[in-house]
Amino acid sequence: MKVGNPPPDAGWALEESLDIEYAFGMAPKAHIYLVEANSNSFNDLLAAEDQATSLLQAAGGGEASNSWQGGEFSSETSLDSHFQGSGVVYFASSGDSGGQVGYPSTSPYVVSAGGTTILRNSQGFFTNEAAWSSAGGGPSQFEPRPSYQNIIKKIVGTHRGTPDFSSEASNVSYVAIYSQYGCGGWCGVGGTSVSSPTLAGIVNAAGTFNSSTAAENGEAYKDYANKATYKADWRDIIIGSNSRYVCKKGWEFCTGIGSPKTYNGK
């Protein structure tokens, strides 16, 4: 990897502004690190992931949010080691291609962050939450089902299912951010790039600081194991679809467990 600063890029500047502002919005007491890659190649992105892991481990642990994705490929399992740092819980956007999946969201060592849309009445008050039609979600072609998903094996089969849980991501009920280089000021954005930092921030604010994503008693295990408290702790999304899978009661390929309502189990 080259040493030095990458060249300016307005598109990635917008992503960075979004990630920082929504992670901070959910976890205002968190110490936030921005790690930039030299390019959007997998080699550079994974080198940046390793750097983020080192920073978080030196700080005593935390969450790593990733708003990038590429299509699945047969050798992706060989890259999963980049998401297994001790003391770090990894998040990755499930994608914005409506019922499609990509890596690293499909890695069993990350929390796959899906997308919803907020429904409001004419006065702007919340009325319900539905699946975002463009959110990614579905079974991986190459990653085997992790043991924390054994509880839903009748749905996902032998392969890893995504997403794990979800939050606002729609470009209709978009979020507002400020980005000097990305959009020249205030702008509205959507996509599961919103979900990953939002959910990482919520988990950080819960203050548990789990030892990993996938290890026993890690973040994913706790999220799936608390099925008995789903109604109290999660909003089960039963409206809408992601253009390929239709929402229904319980876990599904649209929004996973649903959206978090409390800090319990996180």
Protein backbone atom coordinates (compact mmCIF):
# COMPACT_ATOMS: atom_id res chain seq x y z
CA MET A 1 0.00 0.00 0.00
CA LYS A 2 1.28 3.49 -0.85
CA VAL A 3 2.21 5.81 1.96
CA GLY A 4 0.54 9.24 1.93
CA ASN A 5 -2.85 10.79 1.41
CA PRO A 6 -5.18 9.61 -1.37
CA PRO A 7 -6.29 12.21 -3.93
CA PRO A 8 -9.54 14.16 -3.27
CA ASP A 9 -12.69 12.30 -4.31
CA ALA A 10 -16.08 14.04 -3.93
CA GLY A 11 -18.03 10.76 -3.99
CA TRP A 12 -16.05 9.20 -1.17
CA ALA A 13 -16.03 12.53 0.68
CA LEU A 14 -19.83 12.30 0.80
CA GLU A 15 -19.60 8.74 2.14
CA GLU A 16 -17.11 9.81 4.79
CA SER A 17 -19.27 12.73 5.92
CA LEU A 18 -22.28 10.43 6.15
CA ASP A 19 -20.44 7.75 8.12
CA ILE A 20 -18.89 10.15 10.61
CA GLU A 21 -22.03 12.21 11.18
CA TYR A 22 -24.40 9.26 11.65
CA ALA A 23 -22.02 7.24 13.80
CA PHE A 24 -21.56 10.34 15.97
CA GLY A 25 -25.30 11.07 15.94
CA MET A 26 -26.05 7.64 17.40
CA ALA A 27 -23.03 7.53 19.73
CA PRO A 28 -22.05 11.12 20.61
CA LYS A 29 -19.64 9.96 23.33
CA ALA A 30 -17.70 7.67 20.98
CA HIS A 31 -14.14 8.36 19.84
CA ILE A 32 -14.42 8.11 16.07
CA TYR A 33 -11.55 7.23 13.72
CA LEU A 34 -11.71 7.84 9.97
CA VAL A 35 -9.46 5.47 8.02
CA GLU A 36 -9.05 6.25 4.32
CA ALA A 37 -7.92 3.74 1.70
CA ASN A 38 -5.68 4.75 -1.20
CA SER A 39 -8.27 3.48 -3.68
CA ASN A 40 -11.48 1.48 -3.82
CA SER A 41 -9.64 -1.70 -4.75
CA PHE A 42 -10.22 -4.62 -2.39
CA ASN A 43 -6.51 -4.72 -1.54
CA ASP A 44 -6.52 -1.09 -0.41
CA LEU A 45 -9.87 -1.31 1.34
CA LEU A 46 -8.80 -4.38 3.30
CA ALA A 47 -5.50 -2.74 4.22
CA ALA A 48 -7.56 0.15 5.61
CA GLU A 49 -9.73 -2.38 7.47
CA ASP A 50 -6.65 -3.82 9.13
CA GLN A 51 -5.55 -0.33 10.15
CA ALA A 52 -9.00 0.37 11.62
CA THR A 53 -8.78 -2.91 13.54
CA SER A 54 -5.41 -1.93 15.00
CA LEU A 55 -6.70 1.49 16.07
CA LEU A 56 -9.79 0.03 17.73
CA GLN A 57 -7.82 -2.66 19.51
CA ALA A 58 -5.37 -0.07 20.83
CA ALA A 59 -8.36 1.92 22.13
CA GLY A 60 -9.78 -1.09 23.96
CA GLY A 61 -12.24 -2.30 21.33
CA GLY A 62 -15.20 -0.93 19.40
CA GLU A 63 -17.15 -1.07 16.15
CA ALA A 64 -15.90 -0.79 12.56
CA SER A 65 -18.45 0.48 10.03
CA ASN A 66 -18.06 -0.23 6.30
CA SER A 67 -20.16 1.49 3.64
CA TRP A 68 -18.54 -0.25 0.66
CA GLN A 69 -19.28 -3.46 -1.20
CA GLY A 70 -18.37 -5.53 -4.23
CA GLY A 71 -20.00 -8.49 -5.89
CA GLU A 72 -19.50 -11.96 -4.42
CA PHE A 73 -16.67 -14.17 -5.69
CA SER A 74 -15.63 -17.74 -4.97
CA SER A 75 -12.47 -16.85 -3.03
CA GLU A 76 -14.11 -14.31 -0.71
CA THR A 77 -13.91 -16.67 2.27
CA SER A 78 -10.11 -16.27 2.16
CA LEU A 79 -10.57 -12.58 3.01
CA ASP A 80 -12.74 -13.13 6.09
CA SER A 81 -9.69 -12.96 8.35
CA HIS A 82 -9.73 -9.16 7.88
CA PHE A 83 -12.97 -9.06 9.89
CA GLN A 84 -11.95 -11.20 12.84
CA GLY A 85 -9.94 -8.82 14.99
CA SER A 86 -10.34 -9.49 18.71
CA GLY A 87 -12.40 -6.85 20.48
CA VAL A 88 -13.87 -5.45 17.26
CA VAL A 89 -17.43 -5.82 15.93
CA TYR A 90 -17.63 -5.21 12.17
CA PHE A 91 -20.61 -3.78 10.26
CA ALA A 92 -21.10 -3.70 6.48
CA SER A 93 -23.87 -2.25 4.31
CA SER A 94 -26.04 -4.89 2.67
CA GLY A 95 -26.07 -2.96 -0.62
CA ASP A 96 -28.49 -0.87 -2.68
CA SER A 97 -29.35 -3.26 -5.49
CA GLY A 98 -32.70 -4.61 -4.33
CA GLY A 99 -32.46 -8.22 -3.21
CA GLN A 100 -28.88 -8.73 -4.36
CA VAL A 101 -25.93 -9.50 -2.07
CA GLY A 102 -22.26 -8.57 -2.01
CA TYR A 103 -19.07 -8.81 -0.01
CA PRO A 104 -18.18 -8.03 2.80
CA SER A 105 -21.86 -7.94 3.83
CA THR A 106 -22.04 -11.69 3.23
CA SER A 107 -19.11 -12.45 5.52
CA PRO A 108 -20.30 -14.26 8.66
CA TYR A 109 -17.82 -12.11 10.59
CA VAL A 110 -19.69 -8.85 9.98
CA VAL A 111 -23.12 -7.59 10.97
CA SER A 112 -24.93 -7.12 7.66
CA ALA A 113 -26.79 -3.80 7.84
CA GLY A 114 -30.02 -3.75 5.85
CA GLY A 115 -32.28 -0.85 4.93
CA THR A 116 -35.78 0.37 5.77
CA THR A 117 -37.90 3.38 4.94
CA ILE A 118 -39.70 5.49 7.55
CA LEU A 119 -43.39 6.14 6.96
CA ARG A 120 -44.81 9.42 8.28
CA ASN A 121 -48.20 11.14 8.29
CA SER A 122 -48.98 14.57 6.83
CA GLN A 123 -47.68 16.20 10.02
CA GLY A 124 -44.35 14.42 9.78
CA PHE A 125 -44.93 12.04 12.67
CA PHE A 126 -43.71 8.43 12.53
CA THR A 127 -46.44 5.93 11.65
CA ASN A 128 -44.60 2.78 10.61
CA GLU A 129 -41.45 1.33 9.09
CA ALA A 130 -41.22 -0.70 5.88
CA ALA A 131 -38.52 -2.44 3.90
CA TRP A 132 -36.62 -0.20 1.51
CA SER A 133 -37.23 -1.51 -2.00
CA SER A 134 -33.59 -1.09 -3.08
CA ALA A 135 -31.94 -2.62 0.00
CA GLY A 136 -29.66 -5.60 -0.48
CA GLY A 137 -30.47 -8.94 1.08
CA GLY A 138 -30.46 -12.64 0.32
CA PRO A 139 -28.36 -15.78 0.72
CA SER A 140 -24.63 -15.85 0.04
CA GLN A 141 -23.41 -18.09 -2.76
CA PHE A 142 -20.15 -18.96 -1.04
CA GLU A 143 -20.23 -18.25 2.70
CA PRO A 144 -21.56 -21.14 4.82
CA ARG A 145 -24.27 -20.53 7.38
CA PRO A 146 -22.70 -19.34 10.66
CA SER A 147 -23.80 -21.14 13.80
CA TYR A 148 -25.55 -18.03 15.13
CA GLN A 149 -28.00 -18.43 12.23
CA ASN A 150 -28.86 -22.01 13.10
CA ILE A 151 -32.02 -20.60 14.65
CA ILE A 152 -33.18 -19.61 11.12
CA LYS A 153 -31.67 -22.53 9.19
CA LYS A 154 -35.06 -23.45 7.75
CA ILE A 155 -35.08 -20.05 6.03
CA VAL A 156 -31.46 -19.55 5.00
CA GLY A 157 -30.51 -23.18 4.33
CA THR A 158 -26.81 -24.03 4.29
CA HIS A 159 -25.51 -20.54 3.44
CA ARG A 160 -25.14 -17.24 5.24
CA GLY A 161 -28.29 -15.11 5.05
CA THR A 162 -28.32 -11.31 4.92
CA PRO A 163 -29.10 -8.80 6.35
CA ASP A 164 -28.86 -9.30 10.10
CA PHE A 165 -30.80 -6.22 11.14
CA SER A 166 -31.73 -2.90 9.58
CA SER A 167 -32.36 0.82 9.90
CA GLU A 168 -33.46 3.82 7.85
CA ALA A 169 -31.78 3.85 4.42
CA SER A 170 -34.38 5.02 1.91
CA ASN A 171 -33.68 7.78 -0.59
CA VAL A 172 -37.30 8.84 -0.04
CA SER A 173 -37.22 9.23 3.76
CA TYR A 174 -33.61 10.29 3.36
CA VAL A 175 -31.29 11.65 6.04
CA ALA A 176 -29.66 15.10 6.04
CA ILE A 177 -25.88 15.52 6.25
CA TYR A 178 -23.37 18.31 5.74
CA SER A 179 -20.51 17.63 3.33
CA GLN A 180 -18.31 20.48 2.14
CA TYR A 181 -16.63 18.45 -0.62
CA GLY A 182 -19.33 15.87 -1.33
CA CYS A 183 -22.26 18.17 -2.05
CA GLY A 184 -21.08 21.66 -1.14
CA GLY A 185 -23.15 21.98 2.02
CA TRP A 186 -26.33 20.35 3.30
CA CYS A 187 -27.82 17.51 1.29
CA GLY A 188 -30.17 14.54 1.63
CA VAL A 189 -28.78 11.04 1.15
CA GLY A 190 -30.03 7.46 1.28
CA GLY A 191 -28.74 3.93 0.90
CA THR A 192 -27.51 1.25 3.25
CA SER A 193 -24.43 3.44 3.64
CA VAL A 194 -26.71 5.13 6.20
CA SER A 195 -27.57 1.85 7.93
CA SER A 196 -24.06 0.67 8.71
CA PRO A 197 -22.84 3.71 10.70
CA THR A 198 -26.28 4.15 12.28
CA LEU A 199 -26.38 0.60 13.60
CA ALA A 200 -22.70 0.61 14.57
CA GLY A 201 -23.38 3.78 16.55
CA ILE A 202 -26.41 2.26 18.29
CA VAL A 203 -24.40 -0.80 19.32
CA ASN A 204 -21.55 1.40 20.51
CA ALA A 205 -23.94 3.52 22.59
CA ALA A 206 -25.28 0.34 24.20
CA GLY A 207 -21.85 0.12 25.84
CA THR A 208 -21.42 -3.65 25.82
CA PHE A 209 -18.27 -3.79 23.65
CA ASN A 210 -18.50 -7.41 22.59
CA SER A 211 -15.36 -9.42 21.92
CA SER A 212 -16.24 -10.01 18.27
CA THR A 213 -19.03 -10.27 15.74
CA ALA A 214 -19.31 -14.02 15.36
CA ALA A 215 -17.67 -15.71 18.36
CA GLU A 216 -19.84 -17.29 21.01
CA ASN A 217 -21.48 -14.49 23.01
CA GLY A 218 -20.38 -12.01 20.31
CA GLU A 219 -22.66 -9.36 18.82
CA ALA A 220 -24.38 -11.59 16.25
CA TYR A 221 -24.92 -14.42 18.74
CA LYS A 222 -26.62 -12.05 21.17
CA ASP A 223 -28.81 -10.52 18.48
CA TYR A 224 -30.09 -13.87 17.25
CA ALA A 225 -30.25 -15.57 20.65
CA ASN A 226 -32.72 -13.06 22.10
CA LYS A 227 -35.63 -14.32 20.02
CA ALA A 228 -37.84 -14.41 23.10
CA THR A 229 -37.55 -10.62 23.42
CA TYR A 230 -37.87 -9.74 19.73
CA LYS A 231 -41.20 -7.95 20.18
CA ALA A 232 -39.85 -5.78 22.98
CA ASP A 233 -36.41 -5.04 21.53
CA TRP A 234 -36.90 -5.12 17.74
CA ARG A 235 -39.47 -3.75 15.31
CA ASP A 236 -40.50 -6.66 13.11
CA ILE A 237 -40.77 -5.20 9.59
CA ILE A 238 -43.74 -6.82 7.86
CA ILE A 239 -44.44 -4.21 5.16
CA GLY A 240 -42.82 -3.94 1.74
CA SER A 241 -40.10 -5.83 -0.09
CA ASN A 242 -36.58 -5.35 -1.40
CA SER A 243 -37.74 -6.03 -4.97
CA ARG A 244 -36.91 -9.73 -4.66
CA TYR A 245 -38.00 -10.85 -1.20
CA VAL A 246 -41.25 -9.87 0.50
CA CYS A 247 -41.37 -8.88 4.15
CA LYS A 248 -43.24 -11.17 6.53
CA LYS A 249 -43.39 -11.92 10.22
CA GLY A 250 -40.07 -12.98 11.71
CA TRP A 251 -36.64 -13.05 10.08
CA GLU A 252 -36.53 -12.59 6.31
CA PHE A 253 -34.15 -11.56 3.52
CA CYS A 254 -35.58 -8.00 3.45
CA THR A 255 -34.67 -6.63 6.88
CA GLY A 256 -33.36 -9.60 8.87
CA ILE A 257 -34.42 -9.46 12.51
CA GLY A 258 -35.85 -5.99 12.00
CA SER A 259 -34.86 -2.58 13.33
CA PRO A 260 -33.65 -1.97 16.91
CA LYS A 261 -36.03 -0.36 19.40
CA THR A 262 -33.87 -0.68 22.53
CA TYR A 263 -30.25 -1.30 23.54
CA ASN A 264 -31.14 -4.74 24.91
CA GLY A 265 -29.22 -7.62 23.34
CA LYS A 266 -26.72 -5.29 21.69
